Amino acid sequence: MSEISAGDAVTTAATAVGWRRAGIAGAAIGVIAAGAAAGVAVERLTVGRGMRRRARLALDASGPYGSLRGLPGRASADDGTELYYEVDEVDPDGGTGAAGSGESAGSGATVPGAAGPRRRRLFGRKAPGPVTVVFSHGYCLSQDSWHFQRAALRGIVRTVHWDQRSHGRSERGRAQADGVTVGIDQLGRDLKAVIDAVAPEGRLVLVGHSMGGMTMMALAEQYPQLVRDRVAAIAFVGTSSGKLGEVSFGLPVAGVNAVRRVLPGVLKALGSQAELVERGRRATADLFAGLIKRYSFGSRDVDPAVERFAERLIESTPIDVVAEFYPAFTEHDKTHVLPAFRDIPVLILAGDKDLVTPSSHSEAMADQLPDAELVIVPDAGHLVMLEHPETVTDRLADLLVRIGAVPAATDVGGQGSNVGGHGSTAQQPGG
């Protein structure tokens, strides 16, 4: 199976569970759903469906996550697909605002363990110029999945957040509308189009979660000169360079093998009946929420508003988009590309309870990049940047300080905590 960004195993499971009564591969999807079914059943015993629905609506109305906006723009991919991006410029007054910003959320939060004033040796040149930090999101998510990191870096360094094709505010892939399947290489070319549009010159820092990290690998394979000449640092978050077909997603071997055999056909069938499937997703909202918790998060004390935010992000990805992206992950193999990053600072970060792109995949990447900083975050799942945002933000800030993109005394500690004071401590194997 493939990378899910809590959307493949989650979305395909939840949608197909709704189809079980209609006879579409119910047995296979039941295997995926089994892991979360017990927790959902207990919840149903204690909380009424109507109350849960009202709670979701209340969280939707009050949740601040995903509300940050920047200067909008569109880049044109090589097949004509319009890719939506937003830019947060450096605040000339040295504050934390961003030109063109919309509503800011959570600015009063405290962040246990967040980056405080530090003194770090700058990497490379003594007086490096400004950089643009480009954030690439994962499958079934959008640029808003970087909410906490965006809030923390807002106005401090120039950042670009973009929606992958067929996700968020970007256009549905035109080639896919004509029946062409999506490949990771296409996503690499999409990232190049965004860079050309918003940062045609100057140093770059590339940050990618899950599919976003794979996108960066594809960029490096197709445009090696760009990496050599302009990329100052790389951050891989919860991603993989290959062998996703071997991931068990926390399921018994027999069960996951059965799912692998039938899932491509199931997704194709579901994608052809998108409208009906979307109704099924709404009808199975409780099970869907349980699956998201299982495949997105590794701890129990995540803010319910953050859990609901993740659910909304994944819900917004149409089932036909889920279906057309799926084959790309089983084919993904970019381990041979990793040496292209050996001469620049690299951060590799993952949750120790990630069931989608397990931390062992990050460790395997670090084996190919022995000078990289490897951070395994305890009690963290696939959406580690939402679950333990203070840790992810802290490590990104350290990376930016290391290359001189921000001053060593920069304080990004005003953003990030979503768990009411429960910070996290990262483990760094080998150091």
Protein backbone atom coordinates (compact mmCIF):
# COMPACT_ATOMS: atom_id res chain seq x y z
CA MET A 1 0.00 0.00 0.00
CA SER A 2 0.98 3.61 -0.21
CA GLU A 3 1.49 6.78 1.68
CA ILE A 4 -1.76 7.97 3.13
CA SER A 5 -1.19 11.18 5.03
CA ALA A 6 -3.94 9.76 7.20
CA GLY A 7 -5.96 9.86 4.02
CA ASP A 8 -5.23 6.62 2.14
CA ALA A 9 -5.83 4.07 4.90
CA VAL A 10 -8.24 6.54 6.49
CA THR A 11 -10.21 7.93 3.59
CA THR A 12 -10.38 4.78 1.53
CA ALA A 13 -11.30 2.76 4.59
CA ALA A 14 -14.05 5.08 5.74
CA THR A 15 -15.55 5.56 2.31
CA ALA A 16 -15.56 1.89 1.45
CA VAL A 17 -16.98 0.92 4.83
CA GLY A 18 -19.96 3.02 3.84
CA TRP A 19 -20.20 0.89 0.70
CA ARG A 20 -20.18 -2.43 2.47
CA ARG A 21 -23.97 -2.67 2.36
CA ALA A 22 -23.79 -1.98 -1.35
CA GLY A 23 -21.46 -4.93 -1.81
CA ILE A 24 -18.27 -3.15 -2.90
CA ALA A 25 -15.27 -4.87 -1.33
CA GLY A 26 -16.70 -4.69 2.15
CA ALA A 27 -14.55 -7.48 3.48
CA ALA A 28 -11.29 -5.84 2.46
CA ILE A 29 -12.21 -2.47 3.88
CA GLY A 30 -13.45 -4.12 7.03
CA VAL A 31 -9.91 -5.30 7.67
CA ILE A 32 -8.62 -1.71 7.59
CA ALA A 33 -11.47 -0.45 9.75
CA ALA A 34 -11.04 -3.14 12.39
CA GLY A 35 -8.18 -1.34 14.09
CA ALA A 36 -10.37 1.65 14.98
CA ALA A 37 -13.73 -0.05 15.32
CA ALA A 38 -13.38 -0.89 19.00
CA GLY A 39 -12.67 2.69 19.98
CA VAL A 40 -15.59 3.96 17.92
CA ALA A 41 -17.90 1.39 19.49
CA VAL A 42 -16.96 2.51 23.00
CA GLU A 43 -17.53 6.13 22.04
CA ARG A 44 -21.00 5.29 20.74
CA LEU A 45 -21.89 3.73 24.07
CA THR A 46 -21.07 6.92 25.96
CA VAL A 47 -21.90 9.77 23.58
CA GLY A 48 -25.01 10.09 21.42
CA ARG A 49 -24.68 10.56 17.66
CA GLY A 50 -26.55 13.86 17.77
CA MET A 51 -24.23 15.18 20.45
CA ARG A 52 -21.18 14.16 18.45
CA ARG A 53 -22.55 15.88 15.38
CA ARG A 54 -23.19 19.08 17.36
CA ALA A 55 -19.67 18.89 18.78
CA ARG A 56 -18.20 18.62 15.28
CA LEU A 57 -20.19 21.62 14.12
CA ALA A 58 -19.06 23.61 17.15
CA LEU A 59 -15.43 22.73 16.49
CA ASP A 60 -15.84 23.70 12.84
CA ALA A 61 -17.22 27.09 13.87
CA SER A 62 -14.66 27.88 16.57
CA GLY A 63 -11.50 26.06 15.46
CA PRO A 64 -8.86 28.60 14.41
CA TYR A 65 -6.66 26.17 12.54
CA GLY A 66 -6.14 26.74 8.85
CA SER A 67 -7.22 30.38 9.04
CA LEU A 68 -3.86 31.92 8.14
CA ARG A 69 -3.69 33.47 4.70
CA GLY A 70 -0.94 35.14 2.67
CA LEU A 71 -0.42 36.83 -0.67
CA PRO A 72 -2.11 34.52 -3.20
CA GLY A 73 -0.86 33.49 -6.60
CA ARG A 74 -1.05 30.72 -9.18
CA ALA A 75 1.62 28.83 -11.04
CA SER A 76 0.98 26.90 -14.23
CA ALA A 77 2.17 23.27 -14.33
CA ASP A 78 3.53 21.72 -17.50
CA ASP A 79 0.09 20.30 -18.35
CA GLY A 80 -1.62 23.63 -17.72
CA THR A 81 -2.93 22.80 -14.24
CA GLU A 82 -3.20 25.94 -12.10
CA LEU A 83 -1.38 25.45 -8.78
CA TYR A 84 -2.42 27.74 -5.93
CA TYR A 85 0.17 29.18 -3.57
CA GLU A 86 0.43 31.84 -0.88
CA VAL A 87 3.46 33.85 0.22
CA ASP A 88 4.20 35.23 3.67
CA GLU A 89 6.81 37.94 3.26
CA VAL A 90 9.33 39.05 5.87
CA ASP A 91 7.95 41.77 8.09
CA PRO A 92 10.13 44.85 7.44
CA ASP A 93 9.40 46.11 10.95
CA GLY A 94 10.67 42.91 12.52
CA GLY A 95 7.30 41.94 13.95
CA THR A 96 5.41 38.70 13.51
CA GLY A 97 2.90 39.80 10.91
CA ALA A 98 2.97 39.02 7.22
CA ALA A 99 2.07 41.21 4.30
CA GLY A 100 -1.29 40.22 2.96
CA SER A 101 -2.05 38.02 5.93
CA GLY A 102 -5.51 37.13 7.00
CA GLU A 103 -6.71 36.13 10.43
CA SER A 104 -4.01 34.85 12.77
CA ALA A 105 -4.85 32.06 15.17
CA GLY A 106 -3.40 30.85 18.40
CA SER A 107 -0.84 33.62 18.77
CA GLY A 108 -1.16 33.61 22.52
CA ALA A 109 -0.29 29.94 22.94
CA THR A 110 2.72 28.92 24.95
CA VAL A 111 4.98 26.25 23.64
CA PRO A 112 6.72 23.94 26.07
CA GLY A 113 10.09 22.96 24.66
CA ALA A 114 9.91 25.42 21.77
CA ALA A 115 12.97 27.13 20.37
CA GLY A 116 14.25 29.85 22.65
CA PRO A 117 17.30 32.08 22.08
CA ARG A 118 20.16 29.95 20.77
CA ARG A 119 23.67 30.40 19.50
CA ARG A 120 24.45 28.22 16.54
CA ARG A 121 27.38 28.14 14.14
CA LEU A 122 26.22 29.27 10.73
CA PHE A 123 26.61 26.66 8.01
CA GLY A 124 28.71 27.59 5.00
CA ARG A 125 29.09 31.24 4.04
CA LYS A 126 29.58 33.84 6.76
CA ALA A 127 26.92 36.23 5.52
CA PRO A 128 24.35 34.26 3.53
CA GLY A 129 21.55 36.11 1.82
CA PRO A 130 17.81 35.76 2.45
CA VAL A 131 16.02 32.51 1.72
CA THR A 132 12.55 31.37 0.71
CA VAL A 133 11.17 28.41 2.65
CA VAL A 134 8.82 26.32 0.51
CA PHE A 135 6.41 24.00 2.34
CA SER A 136 4.93 21.00 0.48
CA HIS A 137 2.05 19.11 2.08
CA GLY A 138 1.02 15.46 2.07
CA TYR A 139 -1.66 13.35 0.40
CA CYS A 140 -5.27 14.31 1.16
CA LEU A 141 -4.16 17.45 2.99
CA SER A 142 -3.49 21.05 1.94
CA GLN A 143 -1.09 23.87 2.68
CA ASP A 144 -3.09 24.54 5.86
CA SER A 145 -1.64 21.39 7.43
CA TRP A 146 1.44 23.54 8.21
CA HIS A 147 -0.67 25.93 10.31
CA PHE A 148 1.51 25.94 13.44
CA GLN A 149 4.82 26.21 11.63
CA ARG A 150 3.45 28.94 9.41
CA ALA A 151 2.24 30.90 12.43
CA ALA A 152 5.62 30.56 14.16
CA LEU A 153 7.71 31.69 11.18
CA ARG A 154 5.29 34.37 10.03
CA GLY A 155 7.13 37.61 9.29
CA ILE A 156 10.49 36.14 10.37
CA VAL A 157 11.44 34.48 7.10
CA ARG A 158 9.86 34.42 3.64
CA THR A 159 7.68 31.33 3.30
CA VAL A 160 5.68 29.81 0.46
CA HIS A 161 2.79 27.40 1.02
CA TRP A 162 1.21 25.69 -1.96
CA ASP A 163 -1.53 23.17 -2.63
CA GLN A 164 -0.57 20.07 -4.61
CA ARG A 165 -2.59 19.48 -7.77
CA SER A 166 -6.18 18.38 -7.10
CA HIS A 167 -5.78 19.35 -3.43
CA GLY A 168 -6.84 22.45 -1.52
CA ARG A 169 -7.35 25.47 -3.77
CA SER A 170 -5.32 24.14 -6.66
CA GLU A 171 -7.03 23.06 -9.86
CA ARG A 172 -7.91 19.44 -10.49
CA GLY A 173 -5.07 17.98 -12.52
CA ARG A 174 -5.88 18.55 -16.18
CA ALA A 175 -3.91 15.52 -17.28
CA GLN A 176 -5.84 13.42 -14.76
CA ALA A 177 -9.14 14.72 -16.13
CA ASP A 178 -7.95 13.26 -19.44
CA GLY A 179 -7.23 9.90 -17.84
CA VAL A 180 -3.48 10.27 -17.18
CA THR A 181 -2.43 8.82 -13.83
CA VAL A 182 -0.52 10.94 -11.32
CA GLY A 183 3.13 10.10 -10.72
CA ILE A 184 5.52 11.47 -8.11
CA ASP A 185 7.65 12.80 -10.97
CA GLN A 186 4.73 14.99 -12.03
CA LEU A 187 4.56 16.41 -8.52
CA GLY A 188 8.26 17.24 -8.72
CA ARG A 189 7.64 19.20 -11.90
CA ASP A 190 4.72 20.95 -10.18
CA LEU A 191 7.03 22.06 -7.36
CA LYS A 192 9.48 23.40 -9.95
CA ALA A 193 6.66 25.44 -11.51
CA VAL A 194 5.83 26.94 -8.12
CA ILE A 195 9.47 27.78 -7.44
CA ASP A 196 9.82 29.39 -10.86
CA ALA A 197 6.74 31.52 -10.20
CA VAL A 198 7.41 32.67 -6.66
CA ALA A 199 11.17 32.31 -6.08
CA PRO A 200 12.98 32.33 -9.44
CA GLU A 201 16.25 33.26 -7.77
CA GLY A 202 17.84 33.16 -4.34
CA ARG A 203 18.43 30.41 -1.83
CA LEU A 204 15.72 27.88 -1.00
CA VAL A 205 14.84 25.73 1.97
CA LEU A 206 12.50 22.87 1.05
CA VAL A 207 10.20 21.37 3.70
CA GLY A 208 7.95 18.43 2.87
CA HIS A 209 5.57 16.20 4.78
CA SER A 210 4.91 12.68 3.49
CA MET A 211 3.95 13.06 -0.18
CA GLY A 212 5.51 16.54 0.01
CA GLY A 213 8.86 14.99 0.88
CA MET A 214 8.54 12.58 -2.04
CA THR A 215 7.77 15.59 -4.24
CA MET A 216 11.08 17.14 -3.19
CA MET A 217 12.94 13.93 -4.07
CA ALA A 218 11.36 13.99 -7.53
CA LEU A 219 12.39 17.63 -7.93
CA ALA A 220 16.01 16.74 -7.11
CA GLU A 221 16.02 13.84 -9.57
CA GLN A 222 14.71 15.93 -12.45
CA TYR A 223 16.45 19.22 -11.63
CA PRO A 224 19.74 18.32 -9.92
CA GLN A 225 21.33 21.63 -10.89
CA LEU A 226 18.62 23.51 -8.99
CA VAL A 227 19.47 21.59 -5.82
CA ARG A 228 23.21 22.08 -6.24
CA ASP A 229 22.97 25.80 -6.97
CA ARG A 230 20.11 27.03 -4.82
CA VAL A 231 18.87 24.65 -2.14
CA ALA A 232 20.40 25.62 1.20
CA ALA A 233 18.67 23.02 3.39
CA ILE A 234 16.07 20.26 3.31
CA ALA A 235 13.56 19.02 5.90
CA PHE A 236 11.76 15.71 5.46
CA VAL A 237 8.81 15.19 7.83
CA GLY A 238 7.09 11.80 8.07
CA THR A 239 8.08 10.71 4.59
CA SER A 240 9.62 7.78 2.74
CA SER A 241 11.99 7.20 -0.16
CA GLY A 242 10.33 3.91 -1.16
CA LYS A 243 9.12 0.41 -0.23
CA LEU A 244 5.70 1.70 0.80
CA GLY A 245 4.20 -1.54 -0.48
CA GLU A 246 5.73 -3.26 2.54
CA VAL A 247 4.00 -1.07 5.14
CA SER A 248 1.49 -3.01 7.27
CA PHE A 249 -0.42 0.02 8.66
CA GLY A 250 -0.63 -1.77 11.99
CA LEU A 251 -2.69 -4.62 10.52
CA PRO A 252 -2.12 -8.38 10.63
CA VAL A 253 -0.03 -9.62 7.71
CA ALA A 254 -2.87 -11.70 6.26
CA GLY A 255 -5.25 -8.76 6.47
CA VAL A 256 -2.98 -6.23 4.84
CA ASN A 257 -2.08 -8.66 2.04
CA ALA A 258 -5.78 -9.15 1.31
CA VAL A 259 -6.30 -5.40 1.21
CA ARG A 260 -3.37 -4.90 -1.17
CA ARG A 261 -4.84 -7.38 -3.62
CA VAL A 262 -8.23 -5.75 -3.87
CA LEU A 263 -7.70 -2.09 -2.99
CA PRO A 264 -6.69 -0.81 -6.46
CA GLY A 265 -9.89 -2.20 -7.93
CA VAL A 266 -11.93 -0.91 -4.99
CA LEU A 267 -10.58 2.59 -5.39
CA LYS A 268 -11.21 2.58 -9.13
CA ALA A 269 -14.81 1.54 -8.53
CA LEU A 270 -15.30 4.12 -5.78
CA GLY A 271 -13.75 6.87 -7.90
CA SER A 272 -16.24 6.19 -10.66
CA GLN A 273 -19.13 6.72 -8.24
CA ALA A 274 -17.79 9.79 -6.46
CA GLU A 275 -21.09 11.49 -5.63
CA LEU A 276 -22.59 8.39 -4.06
CA VAL A 277 -19.40 7.63 -2.15
CA GLU A 278 -19.26 11.14 -0.68
CA ARG A 279 -22.71 10.58 0.76
CA GLY A 280 -21.42 7.35 2.25
CA ARG A 281 -18.52 9.18 3.85
CA ARG A 282 -20.91 11.56 5.58
CA ALA A 283 -23.03 8.65 6.76
CA THR A 284 -20.01 6.99 8.36
CA ALA A 285 -18.60 10.15 9.96
CA ASP A 286 -18.12 8.54 13.37
CA LEU A 287 -16.09 5.65 12.01
CA PHE A 288 -14.18 8.05 9.80
CA ALA A 289 -13.21 10.16 12.83
CA GLY A 290 -12.01 7.06 14.67
CA LEU A 291 -9.85 6.00 11.74
CA ILE A 292 -8.31 9.45 11.48
CA LYS A 293 -7.35 9.38 15.14
CA ARG A 294 -5.70 6.01 14.68
CA TYR A 295 -3.77 6.85 11.53
CA SER A 296 -2.98 10.51 12.20
CA PHE A 297 -1.99 10.71 15.84
CA GLY A 298 0.03 8.65 18.29
CA SER A 299 -0.93 10.30 21.59
CA ARG A 300 -4.22 10.69 23.42
CA ASP A 301 -4.05 14.31 24.52
CA VAL A 302 -4.39 16.07 21.17
CA ASP A 303 -6.71 19.07 21.16
CA PRO A 304 -10.14 17.94 19.82
CA ALA A 305 -10.12 21.01 17.58
CA VAL A 306 -6.88 19.79 16.00
CA GLU A 307 -8.33 16.32 15.52
CA ARG A 308 -11.38 17.85 13.86
CA PHE A 309 -9.16 20.08 11.73
CA ALA A 310 -7.30 17.01 10.41
CA GLU A 311 -10.63 15.34 9.74
CA ARG A 312 -11.84 18.33 7.73
CA LEU A 313 -8.66 18.44 5.67
CA ILE A 314 -9.02 14.79 4.71
CA GLU A 315 -12.78 15.02 4.16
CA SER A 316 -12.19 17.78 1.62
CA THR A 317 -10.23 15.46 -0.70
CA PRO A 318 -12.71 13.91 -3.18
CA ILE A 319 -12.68 10.13 -3.48
CA ASP A 320 -11.79 10.27 -7.17
CA VAL A 321 -8.66 12.26 -6.27
CA VAL A 322 -7.82 9.69 -3.60
CA ALA A 323 -8.19 6.99 -6.24
CA GLU A 324 -6.12 8.63 -8.96
CA PHE A 325 -3.17 9.35 -6.64
CA TYR A 326 -3.01 5.90 -5.04
CA PRO A 327 -0.91 4.04 -7.66
CA ALA A 328 1.85 6.65 -7.45
CA PHE A 329 2.83 5.55 -3.95
CA THR A 330 3.20 1.86 -4.68
CA GLU A 331 5.55 2.82 -7.51
CA HIS A 332 7.50 5.43 -5.53
CA ASP A 333 11.21 4.63 -5.23
CA LYS A 334 13.62 7.55 -4.86
CA THR A 335 16.27 6.14 -2.54
CA HIS A 336 18.85 6.59 -5.29
CA VAL A 337 18.11 10.33 -5.28
CA LEU A 338 18.98 10.94 -1.62
CA PRO A 339 22.74 11.40 -2.22
CA ALA A 340 21.86 14.64 -4.02
CA PHE A 341 21.26 16.13 -0.56
CA ARG A 342 24.52 15.03 1.07
CA ASP A 343 26.26 18.38 0.76
CA ILE A 344 23.52 20.44 2.46
CA PRO A 345 22.02 20.42 5.96
CA VAL A 346 19.18 17.90 6.17
CA LEU A 347 16.55 17.35 8.86
CA ILE A 348 14.70 14.02 8.89
CA LEU A 349 11.84 13.91 11.40
CA ALA A 350 9.14 11.32 12.08
CA GLY A 351 6.75 10.14 14.76
CA ASP A 352 7.61 6.90 16.51
CA LYS A 353 4.00 5.70 16.17
CA ASP A 354 3.51 6.62 12.53
CA LEU A 355 1.54 3.78 10.91
CA VAL A 356 1.57 5.34 7.44
CA THR A 357 5.24 6.14 6.77
CA PRO A 358 6.86 4.38 9.74
CA SER A 359 9.87 5.92 11.45
CA SER A 360 11.95 3.01 10.13
CA HIS A 361 11.63 4.64 6.70
CA SER A 362 13.11 7.86 8.08
CA GLU A 363 15.92 5.85 9.66
CA ALA A 364 16.60 4.21 6.30
CA MET A 365 16.81 7.65 4.70
CA ALA A 366 19.24 8.76 7.40
CA ASP A 367 21.44 5.77 6.55
CA GLN A 368 21.81 7.28 3.09
CA LEU A 369 22.46 10.73 4.57
CA PRO A 370 24.78 10.11 7.52
CA ASP A 371 25.27 13.82 8.26
CA ALA A 372 21.53 14.47 8.51
CA GLU A 373 19.83 15.27 11.80
CA LEU A 374 17.43 12.41 12.55
CA VAL A 375 14.66 13.18 15.03
CA ILE A 376 12.16 10.53 16.15
CA VAL A 377 9.35 12.15 18.13
CA PRO A 378 7.82 10.05 20.94
CA ASP A 379 4.04 9.55 21.06
CA ALA A 380 3.60 10.97 17.57
CA GLY A 381 1.77 9.68 14.54
CA HIS A 382 1.75 10.61 10.89
CA LEU A 383 0.54 14.20 11.36
CA VAL A 384 3.39 15.01 13.73
CA MET A 385 3.46 18.68 12.69
CA LEU A 386 -0.08 19.05 14.06
CA GLU A 387 0.25 16.66 16.98
CA HIS A 388 3.59 17.95 18.33
CA PRO A 389 3.95 21.28 16.49
CA GLU A 390 6.35 22.73 19.05
CA THR A 391 8.91 20.01 18.34
CA VAL A 392 8.63 20.32 14.55
CA THR A 393 8.80 24.12 14.71
CA ASP A 394 11.79 24.01 17.04
CA ARG A 395 13.75 21.73 14.72
CA LEU A 396 12.88 23.80 11.67
CA ALA A 397 13.98 26.95 13.49
CA ASP A 398 17.28 25.29 14.37
CA LEU A 399 17.78 24.37 10.71
CA LEU A 400 17.10 27.95 9.62
CA VAL A 401 19.49 29.32 12.24
CA ARG A 402 22.14 26.86 11.10
CA ILE A 403 22.12 28.19 7.54
CA GLY A 404 21.82 31.80 8.66
CA ALA A 405 18.27 32.28 7.35
CA VAL A 406 17.17 33.76 10.70
CA PRO A 407 19.16 35.32 13.54
CA ALA A 408 20.45 32.94 16.19
CA ALA A 409 18.38 34.69 18.87
CA THR A 410 15.09 34.42 16.96
CA ASP A 411 12.24 33.40 19.26
CA VAL A 412 9.51 31.30 17.65
CA GLY A 413 8.17 30.14 21.00
CA GLY A 414 4.83 31.93 20.78
CA GLN A 415 3.22 29.28 18.56
CA GLY A 416 2.76 25.59 18.53
CA SER A 417 1.27 23.85 21.54
CA ASN A 418 -2.02 22.07 20.94
CA VAL A 419 -2.12 19.82 23.97
CA GLY A 420 -2.59 22.13 26.90
CA GLY A 421 0.96 22.10 28.18
CA HIS A 422 2.07 18.60 27.27
CA GLY A 423 5.28 19.15 25.37
CA SER A 424 7.29 16.48 23.65
CA THR A 425 10.94 15.57 23.71
CA ALA A 426 12.53 14.32 20.52
CA GLN A 427 14.81 11.32 20.47
CA GLN A 428 17.81 11.52 18.17
CA PRO A 429 19.24 8.14 17.37
CA GLY A 430 22.95 8.17 17.08
CA GLY A 431 23.30 11.44 18.93
